[in-house]
Amino acid sequence: MAQGGDGGATGVAITSARQPLVDELTVRQTGAIAYALSGLVNERIEAQQAEVYEAVKDAAPADLEKLDRLDLAQPAD
């Protein structure tokens, strides 16, 4: 509660709210949805990779060298 100079209340701040407990069914359903979505995303990634590979598989090494580099791992310190 915030108080004004005269001591009267001027505002209220609620800093947290009780969260409902998560039941096992909700966790299982959410996991099933996440698993199904990850399968869809994986299928799209594989299709895109195949399309890109088809576009570059016969490219000359000199042409491939012109492409921007993409680092796949962080360098070790």
PDB file of N, CA and C in Angstrom:
ATOM      1  N   MET A   1       0.844  -1.162   0.000  1.00  0.00           N
ATOM      2  CA  MET A   1       0.000   0.000   0.000  1.00  0.00           C
ATOM      3  C   MET A   1       0.895   1.233   0.000  1.00  0.00           C
ATOM      4  N   ALA A   2       0.499   2.208  -0.782  1.00  0.00           N
ATOM      5  CA  ALA A   2       1.210   3.480  -0.796  1.00  0.00           C
ATOM      6  C   ALA A   2       0.406   4.489   0.014  1.00  0.00           C
ATOM      7  N   GLN A   3       1.135   5.322   0.787  1.00  0.00           N
ATOM      8  CA  GLN A   3       0.479   6.338   1.601  1.00  0.00           C
ATOM      9  C   GLN A   3       0.903   7.732   1.173  1.00  0.00           C
ATOM     10  N   GLY A   4      -0.051   8.639   1.242  1.00  0.00           N
ATOM     11  CA  GLY A   4       0.245  10.023   0.943  1.00  0.00           C
ATOM     12  C   GLY A   4       0.836  10.722   2.160  1.00  0.00           C
ATOM     13  N   GLY A   5       1.178  11.981   2.005  1.00  0.00           N
ATOM     14  CA  GLY A   5       1.761  12.760   3.085  1.00  0.00           C
ATOM     15  C   GLY A   5       0.877  12.842   4.314  1.00  0.00           C
ATOM     16  N   ASP A   6      -0.418  12.766   4.136  1.00  0.00           N
ATOM     17  CA  ASP A   6      -1.335  12.838   5.277  1.00  0.00           C
ATOM     18  C   ASP A   6      -1.573  11.481   5.920  1.00  0.00           C
ATOM     19  N   GLY A   7      -0.917  10.436   5.416  1.00  0.00           N
ATOM     20  CA  GLY A   7      -1.060   9.099   5.976  1.00  0.00           C
ATOM     21  C   GLY A   7      -2.160   8.277   5.346  1.00  0.00           C
ATOM     22  N   GLY A   8      -2.963   8.887   4.470  1.00  0.00           N
ATOM     23  CA  GLY A   8      -4.047   8.151   3.830  1.00  0.00           C
ATOM     24  C   GLY A   8      -3.542   7.291   2.673  1.00  0.00           C
ATOM     25  N   ALA A   9      -4.302   6.269   2.388  1.00  0.00           N
ATOM     26  CA  ALA A   9      -3.937   5.364   1.288  1.00  0.00           C
ATOM     27  C   ALA A   9      -4.054   6.082  -0.047  1.00  0.00           C
ATOM     28  N   THR A  10      -3.023   5.910  -0.907  1.00  0.00           N
ATOM     29  CA  THR A  10      -3.051   6.527  -2.235  1.00  0.00           C
ATOM     30  C   THR A  10      -2.926   5.497  -3.347  1.00  0.00           C
ATOM     31  N   GLY A  11      -2.648   4.254  -3.008  1.00  0.00           N
ATOM     32  CA  GLY A  11      -2.524   3.227  -4.029  1.00  0.00           C
ATOM     33  C   GLY A  11      -2.188   1.882  -3.431  1.00  0.00           C
ATOM     34  N   VAL A  12      -2.348   0.861  -4.255  1.00  0.00           N
ATOM     35  CA  VAL A  12      -2.057  -0.507  -3.853  1.00  0.00           C
ATOM     36  C   VAL A  12      -1.274  -1.174  -4.974  1.00  0.00           C
ATOM     37  N   ALA A  13      -0.279  -1.954  -4.611  1.00  0.00           N
ATOM     38  CA  ALA A  13       0.478  -2.721  -5.593  1.00  0.00           C
ATOM     39  C   ALA A  13       0.424  -4.188  -5.198  1.00  0.00           C
ATOM     40  N   ILE A  14       0.000  -5.020  -6.124  1.00  0.00           N
ATOM     41  CA  ILE A  14      -0.011  -6.456  -5.891  1.00  0.00           C
ATOM     42  C   ILE A  14       1.231  -7.008  -6.569  1.00  0.00           C
ATOM     43  N   THR A  15       2.124  -7.583  -5.782  1.00  0.00           N
ATOM     44  CA  THR A  15       3.410  -8.006  -6.327  1.00  0.00           C
ATOM     45  C   THR A  15       3.445  -9.462  -6.769  1.00  0.00           C
ATOM     46  N   SER A  16       2.473 -10.248  -6.376  1.00  0.00           N
ATOM     47  CA  SER A  16       2.426 -11.630  -6.835  1.00  0.00           C
ATOM     48  C   SER A  16       1.002 -12.146  -6.705  1.00  0.00           C
ATOM     49  N   ALA A  17       0.741 -13.171  -7.464  1.00  0.00           N
ATOM     50  CA  ALA A  17      -0.567 -13.807  -7.411  1.00  0.00           C
ATOM     51  C   ALA A  17      -0.364 -15.302  -7.291  1.00  0.00           C
ATOM     52  N   ARG A  18      -1.223 -15.956  -6.582  1.00  0.00           N
ATOM     53  CA  ARG A  18      -1.127 -17.406  -6.392  1.00  0.00           C
ATOM     54  C   ARG A  18      -1.336 -18.090  -7.741  1.00  0.00           C
ATOM     55  N   GLN A  19      -0.467 -19.044  -8.047  1.00  0.00           N
ATOM     56  CA  GLN A  19      -0.568 -19.812  -9.280  1.00  0.00           C
ATOM     57  C   GLN A  19      -1.261 -21.136  -8.976  1.00  0.00           C
ATOM     58  N   PRO A  20      -2.167 -21.546  -9.836  1.00  0.00           N
ATOM     59  CA  PRO A  20      -2.815 -22.833  -9.592  1.00  0.00           C
ATOM     60  C   PRO A  20      -1.805 -23.965  -9.770  1.00  0.00           C
ATOM     61  N   LEU A  21      -2.004 -25.028  -9.015  1.00  0.00           N
ATOM     62  CA  LEU A  21      -1.135 -26.194  -9.153  1.00  0.00           C
ATOM     63  C   LEU A  21      -1.382 -26.845 -10.512  1.00  0.00           C
ATOM     64  N   VAL A  22      -0.346 -27.421 -11.071  1.00  0.00           N
ATOM     65  CA  VAL A  22      -0.454 -28.081 -12.370  1.00  0.00           C
ATOM     66  C   VAL A  22      -0.726 -29.561 -12.121  1.00  0.00           C
ATOM     67  N   ASP A  23      -1.759 -30.057 -12.760  1.00  0.00           N
ATOM     68  CA  ASP A  23      -2.080 -31.466 -12.583  1.00  0.00           C
ATOM     69  C   ASP A  23      -1.378 -32.310 -13.645  1.00  0.00           C
ATOM     70  N   GLU A  24      -1.273 -33.594 -13.394  1.00  0.00           N
ATOM     71  CA  GLU A  24      -0.544 -34.505 -14.281  1.00  0.00           C
ATOM     72  C   GLU A  24      -1.155 -34.552 -15.680  1.00  0.00           C
ATOM     73  N   LEU A  25      -2.472 -34.524 -15.764  1.00  0.00           N
ATOM     74  CA  LEU A  25      -3.133 -34.566 -17.070  1.00  0.00           C
ATOM     75  C   LEU A  25      -2.731 -33.368 -17.923  1.00  0.00           C
ATOM     76  N   THR A  26      -2.701 -32.184 -17.323  1.00  0.00           N
ATOM     77  CA  THR A  26      -2.312 -30.976 -18.063  1.00  0.00           C
ATOM     78  C   THR A  26      -0.879 -31.086 -18.564  1.00  0.00           C
ATOM     79  N   VAL A  27       0.010 -31.601 -17.722  1.00  0.00           N
ATOM     80  CA  VAL A  27       1.412 -31.756 -18.122  1.00  0.00           C
ATOM     81  C   VAL A  27       1.517 -32.734 -19.287  1.00  0.00           C
ATOM     82  N   ARG A  28       0.815 -33.847 -19.198  1.00  0.00           N
ATOM     83  CA  ARG A  28       0.861 -34.846 -20.267  1.00  0.00           C
ATOM     84  C   ARG A  28       0.285 -34.298 -21.572  1.00  0.00           C
ATOM     85  N   GLN A  29      -0.824 -33.583 -21.494  1.00  0.00           N
ATOM     86  CA  GLN A  29      -1.433 -33.020 -22.702  1.00  0.00           C
ATOM     87  C   GLN A  29      -0.522 -31.972 -23.334  1.00  0.00           C
ATOM     88  N   THR A  30       0.074 -31.139 -22.508  1.00  0.00           N
ATOM     89  CA  THR A  30       0.988 -30.117 -23.031  1.00  0.00           C
ATOM     90  C   THR A  30       2.204 -30.774 -23.672  1.00  0.00           C
ATOM     91  N   GLY A  31       2.723 -31.816 -23.045  1.00  0.00           N
ATOM     92  CA  GLY A  31       3.849 -32.544 -23.623  1.00  0.00           C
ATOM     93  C   GLY A  31       3.499 -33.180 -24.955  1.00  0.00           C
ATOM     94  N   ALA A  32       2.285 -33.726 -25.049  1.00  0.00           N
ATOM     95  CA  ALA A  32       1.849 -34.347 -26.306  1.00  0.00           C
ATOM     96  C   ALA A  32       1.731 -33.309 -27.415  1.00  0.00           C
ATOM     97  N   ILE A  33       1.222 -32.147 -27.077  1.00  0.00           N
ATOM     98  CA  ILE A  33       1.113 -31.064 -28.070  1.00  0.00           C
ATOM     99  C   ILE A  33       2.499 -30.617 -28.509  1.00  0.00           C
ATOM    100  N   ALA A  34       3.399 -30.433 -27.549  1.00  0.00           N
ATOM    101  CA  ALA A  34       4.763 -30.007 -27.878  1.00  0.00           C
ATOM    102  C   ALA A  34       5.459 -31.039 -28.755  1.00  0.00           C
ATOM    103  N   TYR A  35       5.268 -32.313 -28.453  1.00  0.00           N
ATOM    104  CA  TYR A  35       5.888 -33.379 -29.244  1.00  0.00           C
ATOM    105  C   TYR A  35       5.353 -33.364 -30.674  1.00  0.00           C
ATOM    106  N   ALA A  36       4.047 -33.226 -30.821  1.00  0.00           N
ATOM    107  CA  ALA A  36       3.448 -33.194 -32.165  1.00  0.00           C
ATOM    108  C   ALA A  36       3.951 -31.981 -32.950  1.00  0.00           C
ATOM    109  N   LEU A  37       4.029 -30.824 -32.295  1.00  0.00           N
ATOM    110  CA  LEU A  37       4.521 -29.623 -32.971  1.00  0.00           C
ATOM    111  C   LEU A  37       5.992 -29.765 -33.367  1.00  0.00           C
ATOM    112  N   SER A  38       6.790 -30.400 -32.512  1.00  0.00           N
ATOM    113  CA  SER A  38       8.197 -30.570 -32.862  1.00  0.00           C
ATOM    114  C   SER A  38       8.331 -31.482 -34.084  1.00  0.00           C
ATOM    115  N   GLY A  39       7.436 -32.451 -34.217  1.00  0.00           N
ATOM    116  CA  GLY A  39       7.446 -33.300 -35.408  1.00  0.00           C
ATOM    117  C   GLY A  39       7.125 -32.513 -36.661  1.00  0.00           C
ATOM    118  N   LEU A  40       6.156 -31.626 -36.574  1.00  0.00           N
ATOM    119  CA  LEU A  40       5.808 -30.783 -37.728  1.00  0.00           C
ATOM    120  C   LEU A  40       6.969 -29.875 -38.116  1.00  0.00           C
ATOM    121  N   VAL A  41       7.584 -29.265 -37.123  1.00  0.00           N
ATOM    122  CA  VAL A  41       8.721 -28.381 -37.395  1.00  0.00           C
ATOM    123  C   VAL A  41       9.860 -29.175 -38.021  1.00  0.00           C
ATOM    124  N   ASN A  42      10.126 -30.367 -37.503  1.00  0.00           N
ATOM    125  CA  ASN A  42      11.195 -31.199 -38.051  1.00  0.00           C
ATOM    126  C   ASN A  42      10.922 -31.563 -39.505  1.00  0.00           C
ATOM    127  N   GLU A  43       9.677 -31.899 -39.833  1.00  0.00           N
ATOM    128  CA  GLU A  43       9.327 -32.218 -41.222  1.00  0.00           C
ATOM    129  C   GLU A  43       9.579 -31.024 -42.134  1.00  0.00           C
ATOM    130  N   ARG A  44       9.227 -29.844 -41.677  1.00  0.00           N
ATOM    131  CA  ARG A  44       9.451 -28.635 -42.487  1.00  0.00           C
ATOM    132  C   ARG A  44      10.935 -28.361 -42.670  1.00  0.00           C
ATOM    133  N   ILE A  45      11.708 -28.564 -41.615  1.00  0.00           N
ATOM    134  CA  ILE A  45      13.156 -28.354 -41.713  1.00  0.00           C
ATOM    135  C   ILE A  45      13.762 -29.328 -42.715  1.00  0.00           C
ATOM    136  N   GLU A  46      13.379 -30.590 -42.623  1.00  0.00           N
ATOM    137  CA  GLU A  46      13.919 -31.592 -43.542  1.00  0.00           C
ATOM    138  C   GLU A  46      13.547 -31.278 -44.987  1.00  0.00           C
ATOM    139  N   ALA A  47      12.323 -30.833 -45.216  1.00  0.00           N
ATOM    140  CA  ALA A  47      11.897 -30.488 -46.575  1.00  0.00           C
ATOM    141  C   ALA A  47      12.700 -29.300 -47.102  1.00  0.00           C
ATOM    142  N   GLN A  48      12.912 -28.304 -46.261  1.00  0.00           N
ATOM    143  CA  GLN A  48      13.680 -27.126 -46.677  1.00  0.00           C
ATOM    144  C   GLN A  48      15.131 -27.489 -46.942  1.00  0.00           C
ATOM    145  N   GLN A  49      15.710 -28.343 -46.100  1.00  0.00           N
ATOM    146  CA  GLN A  49      17.085 -28.770 -46.316  1.00  0.00           C
ATOM    147  C   GLN A  49      17.220 -29.513 -47.637  1.00  0.00           C
ATOM    148  N   ALA A  50      16.271 -30.371 -47.934  1.00  0.00           N
ATOM    149  CA  ALA A  50      16.315 -31.116 -49.198  1.00  0.00           C
ATOM    150  C   ALA A  50      16.215 -30.169 -50.386  1.00  0.00           C
ATOM    151  N   GLU A  51      15.374 -29.159 -50.278  1.00  0.00           N
ATOM    152  CA  GLU A  51      15.211 -28.189 -51.368  1.00  0.00           C
ATOM    153  C   GLU A  51      16.492 -27.387 -51.586  1.00  0.00           C
ATOM    154  N   VAL A  52      17.096 -26.949 -50.510  1.00  0.00           N
ATOM    155  CA  VAL A  52      18.335 -26.174 -50.629  1.00  0.00           C
ATOM    156  C   VAL A  52      19.456 -27.052 -51.176  1.00  0.00           C
ATOM    157  N   TYR A  53      19.534 -28.293 -50.697  1.00  0.00           N
ATOM    158  CA  TYR A  53      20.571 -29.199 -51.187  1.00  0.00           C
ATOM    159  C   TYR A  53      20.418 -29.434 -52.684  1.00  0.00           C
ATOM    160  N   GLU A  54      19.202 -29.625 -53.153  1.00  0.00           N
ATOM    161  CA  GLU A  54      18.971 -29.820 -54.592  1.00  0.00           C
ATOM    162  C   GLU A  54      19.467 -28.612 -55.388  1.00  0.00           C
ATOM    163  N   ALA A  55      19.324 -27.426 -54.810  1.00  0.00           N
ATOM    164  CA  ALA A  55      19.739 -26.208 -55.504  1.00  0.00           C
ATOM    165  C   ALA A  55      21.251 -26.053 -55.568  1.00  0.00           C
ATOM    166  N   VAL A  56      21.981 -26.645 -54.619  1.00  0.00           N
ATOM    167  CA  VAL A  56      23.432 -26.412 -54.574  1.00  0.00           C
ATOM    168  C   VAL A  56      24.274 -27.662 -54.802  1.00  0.00           C
ATOM    169  N   LYS A  57      23.667 -28.833 -54.907  1.00  0.00           N
ATOM    170  CA  LYS A  57      24.461 -30.064 -54.960  1.00  0.00           C
ATOM    171  C   LYS A  57      25.379 -30.129 -56.172  1.00  0.00           C
ATOM    172  N   ASP A  58      25.025 -29.497 -57.267  1.00  0.00           N
ATOM    173  CA  ASP A  58      25.856 -29.538 -58.469  1.00  0.00           C
ATOM    174  C   ASP A  58      26.641 -28.248 -58.679  1.00  0.00           C
ATOM    175  N   ALA A  59      26.650 -27.384 -57.668  1.00  0.00           N
ATOM    176  CA  ALA A  59      27.362 -26.112 -57.791  1.00  0.00           C
ATOM    177  C   ALA A  59      28.871 -26.349 -57.743  1.00  0.00           C
ATOM    178  N   ALA A  60      29.580 -25.523 -58.452  1.00  0.00           N
ATOM    179  CA  ALA A  60      31.044 -25.612 -58.464  1.00  0.00           C
ATOM    180  C   ALA A  60      31.587 -25.140 -57.117  1.00  0.00           C
ATOM    181  N   PRO A  61      32.691 -25.728 -56.668  1.00  0.00           N
ATOM    182  CA  PRO A  61      33.287 -25.295 -55.404  1.00  0.00           C
ATOM    183  C   PRO A  61      33.539 -23.786 -55.351  1.00  0.00           C
ATOM    184  N   ALA A  62      33.935 -23.201 -56.455  1.00  0.00           N
ATOM    185  CA  ALA A  62      34.184 -21.750 -56.476  1.00  0.00           C
ATOM    186  C   ALA A  62      32.898 -20.974 -56.180  1.00  0.00           C
ATOM    187  N   ASP A  63      31.775 -21.465 -56.695  1.00  0.00           N
ATOM    188  CA  ASP A  63      30.493 -20.800 -56.419  1.00  0.00           C
ATOM    189  C   ASP A  63      30.088 -20.975 -54.955  1.00  0.00           C
ATOM    190  N   LEU A  64      30.363 -22.147 -54.405  1.00  0.00           N
ATOM    191  CA  LEU A  64      30.038 -22.388 -52.997  1.00  0.00           C
ATOM    192  C   LEU A  64      30.862 -21.497 -52.079  1.00  0.00           C
ATOM    193  N   GLU A  65      32.111 -21.236 -52.458  1.00  0.00           N
ATOM    194  CA  GLU A  65      32.984 -20.377 -51.652  1.00  0.00           C
ATOM    195  C   GLU A  65      32.463 -18.946 -51.586  1.00  0.00           C
ATOM    196  N   LYS A  66      31.645 -18.537 -52.549  1.00  0.00           N
ATOM    197  CA  LYS A  66      31.100 -17.174 -52.577  1.00  0.00           C
ATOM    198  C   LYS A  66      29.952 -16.994 -51.579  1.00  0.00           C
ATOM    199  N   LEU A  67      29.393 -18.092 -51.107  1.00  0.00           N
ATOM    200  CA  LEU A  67      28.280 -18.009 -50.168  1.00  0.00           C
ATOM    201  C   LEU A  67      28.766 -17.517 -48.807  1.00  0.00           C
ATOM    202  N   ASP A  68      27.888 -16.828 -48.083  1.00  0.00           N
ATOM    203  CA  ASP A  68      28.230 -16.370 -46.736  1.00  0.00           C
ATOM    204  C   ASP A  68      28.480 -17.572 -45.840  1.00  0.00           C
ATOM    205  N   ARG A  69      29.485 -17.449 -44.986  1.00  0.00           N
ATOM    206  CA  ARG A  69      29.780 -18.520 -44.033  1.00  0.00           C
ATOM    207  C   ARG A  69      28.821 -18.431 -42.855  1.00  0.00           C
ATOM    208  N   LEU A  70      28.515 -19.574 -42.298  1.00  0.00           N
ATOM    209  CA  LEU A  70      27.654 -19.656 -41.130  1.00  0.00           C
ATOM    210  C   LEU A  70      28.354 -20.532 -40.107  1.00  0.00           C
ATOM    211  N   ASP A  71      28.765 -19.928 -38.985  1.00  0.00           N
ATOM    212  CA  ASP A  71      29.419 -20.701 -37.933  1.00  0.00           C
ATOM    213  C   ASP A  71      28.371 -21.546 -37.225  1.00  0.00           C
ATOM    214  N   LEU A  72      28.671 -22.828 -37.071  1.00  0.00           N
ATOM    215  CA  LEU A  72      27.732 -23.749 -36.450  1.00  0.00           C
ATOM    216  C   LEU A  72      28.028 -24.004 -34.975  1.00  0.00           C
ATOM    217  N   ALA A  73      29.176 -23.585 -34.507  1.00  0.00           N
ATOM    218  CA  ALA A  73      29.526 -23.793 -33.099  1.00  0.00           C
ATOM    219  C   ALA A  73      30.277 -22.576 -32.601  1.00  0.00           C
ATOM    220  N   GLN A  74      30.160 -22.341 -31.304  1.00  0.00           N
ATOM    221  CA  GLN A  74      30.896 -21.243 -30.686  1.00  0.00           C
ATOM    222  C   GLN A  74      32.362 -21.638 -30.615  1.00  0.00           C
ATOM    223  N   PRO A  75      33.262 -20.710 -30.930  1.00  0.00           N
ATOM    224  CA  PRO A  75      34.683 -21.031 -30.809  1.00  0.00           C
ATOM    225  C   PRO A  75      35.039 -21.258 -29.325  1.00  0.00           C
ATOM    226  N   ALA A  76      35.960 -22.170 -29.082  1.00  0.00           N
ATOM    227  CA  ALA A  76      36.408 -22.445 -27.709  1.00  0.00           C
ATOM    228  C   ALA A  76      37.236 -21.281 -27.211  1.00  0.00           C
ATOM    229  N   ASP A  77      37.077 -20.968 -25.948  1.00  0.00           N
ATOM    230  CA  ASP A  77      37.865 -19.881 -25.351  1.00  0.00           C
ATOM    231  C   ASP A  77      39.251 -20.335 -24.987  1.00  0.00           C
TER     232      ASP A  77
END
